[in-house]
Structures are given as C-alpha cells and as structure tokens.
C-alpha cells in the first residue's frame, strides 16, 4: 500500500460550516475501512490534510473526491503520493 497526502484548501467558509458533519462522518467511515493514516486541520483555518492509504493514485483520488468537502465545493483538493520517512529508517 502507498500513502497519499490530500491537501484540502478552504474555498468557501460557509459551505465548510454547512458540510462539516458530513465531512467528519466521511472521515470516520474511511478510518474504519483502513483508508486513513492521519488527518487534521490547519490551525490558521486555511483547510486541512488527510493522509490516505491506497494501492494507487487513482484509488486514492476516488476516495478523496468522495469527501463532501471536496464534492460539494467547500474545499479544493491537491493530492500527492507521499514517500513517508520514519526517523531512523531512511
């Protein structure tokens, strides 16, 4: 499996508030399915980051685009494959 960083930049603060619970519910479901490594918001309010676990970029993109924040226009999506390095395992 590979890791993919989904950067979710704020596009519409009102939609962000409106769809927050749907977004959180989506993330909880993805966590239960084992598709999320980590997630969190940017503290200055610019958006957030989700690290997805998937077999391919296309699979990760399909998951990330299903996020209500993305498909309902609250946030933009930038998705990158992440070559994770753990200290001591370079």
PDB file of N, CA and C in Angstrom:
ATOM      1  N   UNK A   1       0.844  -1.189   0.000  1.00  0.00           N
ATOM      2  CA  UNK A   1       0.000   0.000   0.000  1.00  0.00           C
ATOM      3  C   UNK A   1       0.884   1.245   0.000  1.00  0.00           C
ATOM      4  N   UNK A   2       0.315   2.325  -0.522  1.00  0.00           N
ATOM      5  CA  UNK A   2       1.022   3.596  -0.615  1.00  0.00           C
ATOM      6  C   UNK A   2       0.266   4.652   0.190  1.00  0.00           C
ATOM      7  N   UNK A   3       0.958   5.748   0.452  1.00  0.00           N
ATOM      8  CA  UNK A   3       0.371   6.868   1.184  1.00  0.00           C
ATOM      9  C   UNK A   3       0.186   8.051   0.246  1.00  0.00           C
ATOM     10  N   UNK A   4      -0.921   8.780   0.426  1.00  0.00           N
ATOM     11  CA  UNK A   4      -1.241   9.921  -0.418  1.00  0.00           C
ATOM     12  C   UNK A   4      -1.696  11.084   0.447  1.00  0.00           C
ATOM     13  N   UNK A   5      -1.058  12.230   0.255  1.00  0.00           N
ATOM     14  CA  UNK A   5      -1.392  13.431   1.024  1.00  0.00           C
ATOM     15  C   UNK A   5      -2.448  14.231   0.268  1.00  0.00           C
ATOM     16  N   UNK A   6      -3.594  14.395   0.892  1.00  0.00           N
ATOM     17  CA  UNK A   6      -4.678  15.204   0.332  1.00  0.00           C
ATOM     18  C   UNK A   6      -4.690  16.538   1.071  1.00  0.00           C
ATOM     19  N   UNK A   7      -4.331  17.587   0.354  1.00  0.00           N
ATOM     20  CA  UNK A   7      -4.362  18.929   0.923  1.00  0.00           C
ATOM     21  C   UNK A   7      -5.695  19.546   0.535  1.00  0.00           C
ATOM     22  N   UNK A   8      -6.471  19.894   1.545  1.00  0.00           N
ATOM     23  CA  UNK A   8      -7.824  20.419   1.340  1.00  0.00           C
ATOM     24  C   UNK A   8      -7.833  21.902   1.705  1.00  0.00           C
ATOM     25  N   UNK A   9      -7.685  22.757   0.709  1.00  0.00           N
ATOM     26  CA  UNK A   9      -7.644  24.199   0.950  1.00  0.00           C
ATOM     27  C   UNK A   9      -9.053  24.772   0.983  1.00  0.00           C
ATOM     28  N   UNK A  10      -9.255  25.693   1.913  1.00  0.00           N
ATOM     29  CA  UNK A  10     -10.551  26.336   2.082  1.00  0.00           C
ATOM     30  C   UNK A  10     -10.936  27.104   0.819  1.00  0.00           C
ATOM     31  N   UNK A  11     -12.147  26.846   0.329  1.00  0.00           N
ATOM     32  CA  UNK A  11     -12.695  27.579  -0.806  1.00  0.00           C
ATOM     33  C   UNK A  11     -13.880  28.437  -0.379  1.00  0.00           C
ATOM     34  N   UNK A  12     -14.713  27.878   0.493  1.00  0.00           N
ATOM     35  CA  UNK A  12     -15.970  28.530   0.856  1.00  0.00           C
ATOM     36  C   UNK A  12     -16.257  28.248   2.336  1.00  0.00           C
ATOM     37  N   UNK A  13     -16.040  29.261   3.172  1.00  0.00           N
ATOM     38  CA  UNK A  13     -16.186  29.086   4.621  1.00  0.00           C
ATOM     39  C   UNK A  13     -17.619  28.722   5.023  1.00  0.00           C
ATOM     40  N   UNK A  14     -18.607  29.253   4.318  1.00  0.00           N
ATOM     41  CA  UNK A  14     -19.999  28.927   4.647  1.00  0.00           C
ATOM     42  C   UNK A  14     -20.314  27.473   4.332  1.00  0.00           C
ATOM     43  N   UNK A  15     -19.880  27.000   3.166  1.00  0.00           N
ATOM     44  CA  UNK A  15     -20.076  25.590   2.827  1.00  0.00           C
ATOM     45  C   UNK A  15     -19.294  24.700   3.789  1.00  0.00           C
ATOM     46  N   UNK A  16     -18.132  25.179   4.209  1.00  0.00           N
ATOM     47  CA  UNK A  16     -17.329  24.429   5.163  1.00  0.00           C
ATOM     48  C   UNK A  16     -18.129  24.175   6.443  1.00  0.00           C
ATOM     49  N   UNK A  17     -18.779  25.195   6.954  1.00  0.00           N
ATOM     50  CA  UNK A  17     -19.610  25.051   8.154  1.00  0.00           C
ATOM     51  C   UNK A  17     -20.802  24.138   7.877  1.00  0.00           C
ATOM     52  N   UNK A  18     -21.431  24.357   6.736  1.00  0.00           N
ATOM     53  CA  UNK A  18     -22.647  23.619   6.378  1.00  0.00           C
ATOM     54  C   UNK A  18     -22.384  22.116   6.246  1.00  0.00           C
ATOM     55  N   UNK A  19     -21.253  21.734   5.671  1.00  0.00           N
ATOM     56  CA  UNK A  19     -20.980  20.326   5.387  1.00  0.00           C
ATOM     57  C   UNK A  19     -19.995  19.681   6.359  1.00  0.00           C
ATOM     58  N   UNK A  20     -19.678  20.364   7.449  1.00  0.00           N
ATOM     59  CA  UNK A  20     -18.690  19.840   8.389  1.00  0.00           C
ATOM     60  C   UNK A  20     -19.036  18.446   8.908  1.00  0.00           C
ATOM     61  N   UNK A  21     -20.261  18.250   9.354  1.00  0.00           N
ATOM     62  CA  UNK A  21     -20.619  16.947   9.922  1.00  0.00           C
ATOM     63  C   UNK A  21     -20.535  15.843   8.874  1.00  0.00           C
ATOM     64  N   UNK A  22     -20.952  16.134   7.642  1.00  0.00           N
ATOM     65  CA  UNK A  22     -20.843  15.138   6.576  1.00  0.00           C
ATOM     66  C   UNK A  22     -19.375  14.788   6.324  1.00  0.00           C
ATOM     67  N   UNK A  23     -18.516  15.788   6.355  1.00  0.00           N
ATOM     68  CA  UNK A  23     -17.071  15.583   6.166  1.00  0.00           C
ATOM     69  C   UNK A  23     -16.513  14.706   7.289  1.00  0.00           C
ATOM     70  N   UNK A  24     -16.852  15.019   8.526  1.00  0.00           N
ATOM     71  CA  UNK A  24     -16.360  14.247   9.672  1.00  0.00           C
ATOM     72  C   UNK A  24     -16.879  12.811   9.600  1.00  0.00           C
ATOM     73  N   UNK A  25     -18.142  12.634   9.281  1.00  0.00           N
ATOM     74  CA  UNK A  25     -18.711  11.291   9.153  1.00  0.00           C
ATOM     75  C   UNK A  25     -17.986  10.492   8.061  1.00  0.00           C
ATOM     76  N   UNK A  26     -17.687  11.156   6.949  1.00  0.00           N
ATOM     77  CA  UNK A  26     -16.948  10.521   5.862  1.00  0.00           C
ATOM     78  C   UNK A  26     -15.579  10.055   6.341  1.00  0.00           C
ATOM     79  N   UNK A  27     -14.868  10.930   7.057  1.00  0.00           N
ATOM     80  CA  UNK A  27     -13.536  10.580   7.545  1.00  0.00           C
ATOM     81  C   UNK A  27     -13.583   9.425   8.537  1.00  0.00           C
ATOM     82  N   UNK A  28     -14.562   9.437   9.419  1.00  0.00           N
ATOM     83  CA  UNK A  28     -14.707   8.341  10.386  1.00  0.00           C
ATOM     84  C   UNK A  28     -14.941   7.020   9.656  1.00  0.00           C
ATOM     85  N   UNK A  29     -15.774   7.042   8.633  1.00  0.00           N
ATOM     86  CA  UNK A  29     -16.036   5.824   7.857  1.00  0.00           C
ATOM     87  C   UNK A  29     -14.759   5.350   7.159  1.00  0.00           C
ATOM     88  N   UNK A  30     -13.994   6.287   6.586  1.00  0.00           N
ATOM     89  CA  UNK A  30     -12.749   5.911   5.915  1.00  0.00           C
ATOM     90  C   UNK A  30     -11.737   5.344   6.909  1.00  0.00           C
ATOM     91  N   UNK A  31     -11.710   5.889   8.118  1.00  0.00           N
ATOM     92  CA  UNK A  31     -10.828   5.341   9.159  1.00  0.00           C
ATOM     93  C   UNK A  31     -11.216   3.905   9.485  1.00  0.00           C
ATOM     94  N   UNK A  32     -12.512   3.646   9.618  1.00  0.00           N
ATOM     95  CA  UNK A  32     -12.992   2.292   9.913  1.00  0.00           C
ATOM     96  C   UNK A  32     -12.611   1.317   8.803  1.00  0.00           C
ATOM     97  N   UNK A  33     -12.564   1.816   7.567  1.00  0.00           N
ATOM     98  CA  UNK A  33     -12.220   0.978   6.418  1.00  0.00           C
ATOM     99  C   UNK A  33     -10.709   0.848   6.227  1.00  0.00           C
ATOM    100  N   UNK A  34      -9.933   1.554   7.054  1.00  0.00           N
ATOM    101  CA  UNK A  34      -8.481   1.465   6.969  1.00  0.00           C
ATOM    102  C   UNK A  34      -7.860   2.302   5.877  1.00  0.00           C
ATOM    103  N   UNK A  35      -8.571   3.305   5.396  1.00  0.00           N
ATOM    104  CA  UNK A  35      -8.093   4.142   4.289  1.00  0.00           C
ATOM    105  C   UNK A  35      -7.395   5.419   4.731  1.00  0.00           C
ATOM    106  N   UNK A  36      -7.319   5.679   6.040  1.00  0.00           N
ATOM    107  CA  UNK A  36      -6.698   6.912   6.528  1.00  0.00           C
ATOM    108  C   UNK A  36      -5.578   6.579   7.500  1.00  0.00           C
ATOM    109  N   UNK A  37      -4.427   7.186   7.256  1.00  0.00           N
ATOM    110  CA  UNK A  37      -3.271   7.058   8.137  1.00  0.00           C
ATOM    111  C   UNK A  37      -3.299   8.152   9.208  1.00  0.00           C
ATOM    112  N   UNK A  38      -3.614   9.385   8.791  1.00  0.00           N
ATOM    113  CA  UNK A  38      -3.665  10.530   9.707  1.00  0.00           C
ATOM    114  C   UNK A  38      -4.523  11.619   9.071  1.00  0.00           C
ATOM    115  N   UNK A  39      -4.991  12.534   9.917  1.00  0.00           N
ATOM    116  CA  UNK A  39      -5.787  13.652   9.406  1.00  0.00           C
ATOM    117  C   UNK A  39      -5.776  14.782  10.415  1.00  0.00           C
ATOM    118  N   UNK A  40      -6.038  15.995   9.942  1.00  0.00           N
ATOM    119  CA  UNK A  40      -6.136  17.132  10.841  1.00  0.00           C
ATOM    120  C   UNK A  40      -6.308  18.433  10.090  1.00  0.00           C
ATOM    121  N   UNK A  41      -6.715  19.442  10.828  1.00  0.00           N
ATOM    122  CA  UNK A  41      -6.941  20.763  10.237  1.00  0.00           C
ATOM    123  C   UNK A  41      -5.695  21.621  10.384  1.00  0.00           C
ATOM    124  N   UNK A  42      -5.576  22.620   9.520  1.00  0.00           N
ATOM    125  CA  UNK A  42      -4.523  23.622   9.664  1.00  0.00           C
ATOM    126  C   UNK A  42      -5.029  24.637  10.689  1.00  0.00           C
ATOM    127  N   UNK A  43      -4.228  24.925  11.693  1.00  0.00           N
ATOM    128  CA  UNK A  43      -4.704  25.723  12.826  1.00  0.00           C
ATOM    129  C   UNK A  43      -5.066  27.155  12.463  1.00  0.00           C
ATOM    130  N   UNK A  44      -4.532  27.687  11.365  1.00  0.00           N
ATOM    131  CA  UNK A  44      -4.881  29.064  10.994  1.00  0.00           C
ATOM    132  C   UNK A  44      -6.163  29.141  10.176  1.00  0.00           C
ATOM    133  N   UNK A  45      -6.808  27.975   9.932  1.00  0.00           N
ATOM    134  CA  UNK A  45      -8.093  27.964   9.248  1.00  0.00           C
ATOM    135  C   UNK A  45      -8.025  27.859   7.738  1.00  0.00           C
ATOM    136  N   UNK A  46      -6.861  27.548   7.183  1.00  0.00           N
ATOM    137  CA  UNK A  46      -6.701  27.501   5.729  1.00  0.00           C
ATOM    138  C   UNK A  46      -7.202  26.201   5.108  1.00  0.00           C
ATOM    139  N   UNK A  47      -7.566  25.217   5.930  1.00  0.00           N
ATOM    140  CA  UNK A  47      -8.020  23.929   5.410  1.00  0.00           C
ATOM    141  C   UNK A  47      -7.506  22.802   6.269  1.00  0.00           C
ATOM    142  N   UNK A  48      -7.094  21.703   5.610  1.00  0.00           N
ATOM    143  CA  UNK A  48      -6.611  20.562   6.369  1.00  0.00           C
ATOM    144  C   UNK A  48      -5.859  19.579   5.501  1.00  0.00           C
ATOM    145  N   UNK A  49      -5.414  18.496   6.128  1.00  0.00           N
ATOM    146  CA  UNK A  49      -4.623  17.468   5.474  1.00  0.00           C
ATOM    147  C   UNK A  49      -5.145  16.100   5.877  1.00  0.00           C
ATOM    148  N   UNK A  50      -5.285  15.221   4.900  1.00  0.00           N
ATOM    149  CA  UNK A  50      -5.638  13.829   5.156  1.00  0.00           C
ATOM    150  C   UNK A  50      -4.582  12.977   4.456  1.00  0.00           C
ATOM    151  N   UNK A  51      -4.028  12.020   5.164  1.00  0.00           N
ATOM    152  CA  UNK A  51      -3.107  11.066   4.560  1.00  0.00           C
ATOM    153  C   UNK A  51      -3.897   9.778   4.324  1.00  0.00           C
ATOM    154  N   UNK A  52      -4.158   9.486   3.056  1.00  0.00           N
ATOM    155  CA  UNK A  52      -4.888   8.278   2.687  1.00  0.00           C
ATOM    156  C   UNK A  52      -3.928   7.126   2.437  1.00  0.00           C
ATOM    157  N   UNK A  53      -4.420   5.918   2.644  1.00  0.00           N
ATOM    158  CA  UNK A  53      -3.701   4.688   2.335  1.00  0.00           C
ATOM    159  C   UNK A  53      -4.460   4.025   1.188  1.00  0.00           C
ATOM    160  N   UNK A  54      -3.755   3.768   0.082  1.00  0.00           N
ATOM    161  CA  UNK A  54      -4.407   3.167  -1.082  1.00  0.00           C
ATOM    162  C   UNK A  54      -3.366   2.430  -1.920  1.00  0.00           C
ATOM    163  N   UNK A  55      -3.840   1.588  -2.804  1.00  0.00           N
ATOM    164  CA  UNK A  55      -2.952   0.819  -3.665  1.00  0.00           C
ATOM    165  C   UNK A  55      -2.393   1.660  -4.812  1.00  0.00           C
ATOM    166  N   UNK A  56      -3.132   2.707  -5.216  1.00  0.00           N
ATOM    167  CA  UNK A  56      -2.709   3.511  -6.356  1.00  0.00           C
ATOM    168  C   UNK A  56      -3.204   4.950  -6.211  1.00  0.00           C
ATOM    169  N   UNK A  57      -2.624   5.820  -7.032  1.00  0.00           N
ATOM    170  CA  UNK A  57      -3.065   7.215  -7.056  1.00  0.00           C
ATOM    171  C   UNK A  57      -4.549   7.286  -7.423  1.00  0.00           C
ATOM    172  N   UNK A  58      -4.958   6.535  -8.438  1.00  0.00           N
ATOM    173  CA  UNK A  58      -6.354   6.584  -8.878  1.00  0.00           C
ATOM    174  C   UNK A  58      -7.321   6.162  -7.775  1.00  0.00           C
ATOM    175  N   UNK A  59      -6.938   5.141  -7.013  1.00  0.00           N
ATOM    176  CA  UNK A  59      -7.780   4.706  -5.898  1.00  0.00           C
ATOM    177  C   UNK A  59      -7.869   5.790  -4.828  1.00  0.00           C
ATOM    178  N   UNK A  60      -6.729   6.399  -4.500  1.00  0.00           N
ATOM    179  CA  UNK A  60      -6.716   7.471  -3.501  1.00  0.00           C
ATOM    180  C   UNK A  60      -7.527   8.668  -3.979  1.00  0.00           C
ATOM    181  N   UNK A  61      -7.417   8.986  -5.261  1.00  0.00           N
ATOM    182  CA  UNK A  61      -8.175  10.115  -5.814  1.00  0.00           C
ATOM    183  C   UNK A  61      -9.672   9.860  -5.738  1.00  0.00           C
ATOM    184  N   UNK A  62     -10.080   8.649  -6.034  1.00  0.00           N
ATOM    185  CA  UNK A  62     -11.504   8.299  -5.957  1.00  0.00           C
ATOM    186  C   UNK A  62     -12.028   8.493  -4.535  1.00  0.00           C
ATOM    187  N   UNK A  63     -11.253   8.056  -3.551  1.00  0.00           N
ATOM    188  CA  UNK A  63     -11.657   8.229  -2.150  1.00  0.00           C
ATOM    189  C   UNK A  63     -11.701   9.713  -1.796  1.00  0.00           C
ATOM    190  N   UNK A  64     -10.626  10.439  -2.106  1.00  0.00           N
ATOM    191  CA  UNK A  64     -10.522  11.853  -1.735  1.00  0.00           C
ATOM    192  C   UNK A  64     -11.625  12.689  -2.380  1.00  0.00           C
ATOM    193  N   UNK A  65     -11.965  12.384  -3.619  1.00  0.00           N
ATOM    194  CA  UNK A  65     -13.012  13.143  -4.306  1.00  0.00           C
ATOM    195  C   UNK A  65     -14.405  12.844  -3.761  1.00  0.00           C
ATOM    196  N   UNK A  66     -14.552  11.762  -3.021  1.00  0.00           N
ATOM    197  CA  UNK A  66     -15.844  11.426  -2.405  1.00  0.00           C
ATOM    198  C   UNK A  66     -16.096  12.201  -1.116  1.00  0.00           C
ATOM    199  N   UNK A  67     -15.077  12.878  -0.609  1.00  0.00           N
ATOM    200  CA  UNK A  67     -15.222  13.694   0.601  1.00  0.00           C
ATOM    201  C   UNK A  67     -16.238  14.811   0.322  1.00  0.00           C
ATOM    202  N   UNK A  68     -17.274  14.949   1.140  1.00  0.00           N
ATOM    203  CA  UNK A  68     -18.259  16.006   0.919  1.00  0.00           C
ATOM    204  C   UNK A  68     -17.648  17.414   0.820  1.00  0.00           C
ATOM    205  N   UNK A  69     -16.601  17.682   1.569  1.00  0.00           N
ATOM    206  CA  UNK A  69     -15.955  18.992   1.455  1.00  0.00           C
ATOM    207  C   UNK A  69     -15.457  19.234   0.031  1.00  0.00           C
ATOM    208  N   UNK A  70     -15.004  18.204  -0.629  1.00  0.00           N
ATOM    209  CA  UNK A  70     -14.485  18.334  -1.988  1.00  0.00           C
ATOM    210  C   UNK A  70     -15.626  18.358  -2.995  1.00  0.00           C
ATOM    211  N   UNK A  71     -16.487  17.352  -2.942  1.00  0.00           N
ATOM    212  CA  UNK A  71     -17.503  17.260  -3.998  1.00  0.00           C
ATOM    213  C   UNK A  71     -18.661  18.242  -3.842  1.00  0.00           C
ATOM    214  N   UNK A  72     -18.753  18.910  -2.711  1.00  0.00           N
ATOM    215  CA  UNK A  72     -19.787  19.937  -2.530  1.00  0.00           C
ATOM    216  C   UNK A  72     -19.216  21.356  -2.572  1.00  0.00           C
ATOM    217  N   UNK A  73     -17.916  21.475  -2.875  1.00  0.00           N
ATOM    218  CA  UNK A  73     -17.319  22.776  -3.143  1.00  0.00           C
ATOM    219  C   UNK A  73     -16.829  23.580  -1.958  1.00  0.00           C
ATOM    220  N   UNK A  74     -16.712  22.969  -0.776  1.00  0.00           N
ATOM    221  CA  UNK A  74     -16.222  23.713   0.388  1.00  0.00           C
ATOM    222  C   UNK A  74     -14.705  23.882   0.344  1.00  0.00           C
ATOM    223  N   UNK A  75     -14.011  22.874  -0.194  1.00  0.00           N
ATOM    224  CA  UNK A  75     -12.549  22.895  -0.242  1.00  0.00           C
ATOM    225  C   UNK A  75     -12.042  22.350  -1.570  1.00  0.00           C
ATOM    226  N   UNK A  76     -10.888  22.846  -1.969  1.00  0.00           N
ATOM    227  CA  UNK A  76     -10.218  22.305  -3.148  1.00  0.00           C
ATOM    228  C   UNK A  76      -9.374  21.108  -2.723  1.00  0.00           C
ATOM    229  N   UNK A  77      -8.967  20.318  -3.681  1.00  0.00           N
ATOM    230  CA  UNK A  77      -8.183  19.120  -3.414  1.00  0.00           C
ATOM    231  C   UNK A  77      -6.897  19.135  -4.218  1.00  0.00           C
ATOM    232  N   UNK A  78      -5.784  18.924  -3.527  1.00  0.00           N
ATOM    233  CA  UNK A  78      -4.499  18.647  -4.157  1.00  0.00           C
ATOM    234  C   UNK A  78      -4.063  17.301  -3.586  1.00  0.00           C
ATOM    235  N   UNK A  79      -3.720  16.349  -4.439  1.00  0.00           N
ATOM    236  CA  UNK A  79      -3.369  15.007  -3.982  1.00  0.00           C
ATOM    237  C   UNK A  79      -1.987  14.638  -4.505  1.00  0.00           C
ATOM    238  N   UNK A  80      -1.141  14.165  -3.584  1.00  0.00           N
ATOM    239  CA  UNK A  80       0.227  13.800  -3.918  1.00  0.00           C
ATOM    240  C   UNK A  80       0.563  12.459  -3.269  1.00  0.00           C
ATOM    241  N   UNK A  81       1.309  11.628  -4.020  1.00  0.00           N
ATOM    242  CA  UNK A  81       1.839  10.430  -3.387  1.00  0.00           C
ATOM    243  C   UNK A  81       2.908  10.866  -2.398  1.00  0.00           C
ATOM    244  N   UNK A  82       2.886  10.275  -1.200  1.00  0.00           N
ATOM    245  CA  UNK A  82       3.770  10.679  -0.117  1.00  0.00           C
ATOM    246  C   UNK A  82       4.739   9.551   0.179  1.00  0.00           C
ATOM    247  N   UNK A  83       6.012   9.829   0.030  1.00  0.00           N
ATOM    248  CA  UNK A  83       7.066   8.856   0.320  1.00  0.00           C
ATOM    249  C   UNK A  83       7.461   9.052   1.778  1.00  0.00           C
ATOM    250  N   UNK A  84       6.704   8.412   2.659  1.00  0.00           N
ATOM    251  CA  UNK A  84       6.868   8.619   4.093  1.00  0.00           C
ATOM    252  C   UNK A  84       8.224   8.101   4.585  1.00  0.00           C
ATOM    253  N   UNK A  85       8.881   8.899   5.381  1.00  0.00           N
ATOM    254  CA  UNK A  85      10.140   8.519   6.020  1.00  0.00           C
ATOM    255  C   UNK A  85       9.932   8.569   7.532  1.00  0.00           C
ATOM    256  N   UNK A  86      10.309   7.503   8.194  1.00  0.00           N
ATOM    257  CA  UNK A  86      10.234   7.424   9.646  1.00  0.00           C
ATOM    258  C   UNK A  86      11.632   7.624  10.181  1.00  0.00           C
ATOM    259  N   UNK A  87      11.832   8.487  11.188  1.00  0.00           N
ATOM    260  CA  UNK A  87      13.173   8.693  11.717  1.00  0.00           C
ATOM    261  C   UNK A  87      13.851   7.358  12.034  1.00  0.00           C
ATOM    262  N   UNK A  88      15.088   7.245  11.568  1.00  0.00           N
ATOM    263  CA  UNK A  88      15.852   6.034  11.779  1.00  0.00           C
ATOM    264  C   UNK A  88      15.708   5.003  10.669  1.00  0.00           C
ATOM    265  N   UNK A  89      14.727   5.195   9.769  1.00  0.00           N
ATOM    266  CA  UNK A  89      14.505   4.294   8.636  1.00  0.00           C
ATOM    267  C   UNK A  89      14.593   5.079   7.338  1.00  0.00           C
ATOM    268  N   UNK A  90      15.736   5.606   7.021  1.00  0.00           N
ATOM    269  CA  UNK A  90      15.897   6.406   5.813  1.00  0.00           C
ATOM    270  C   UNK A  90      16.042   5.510   4.626  1.00  0.00           C
TER     271      UNK A  90
END
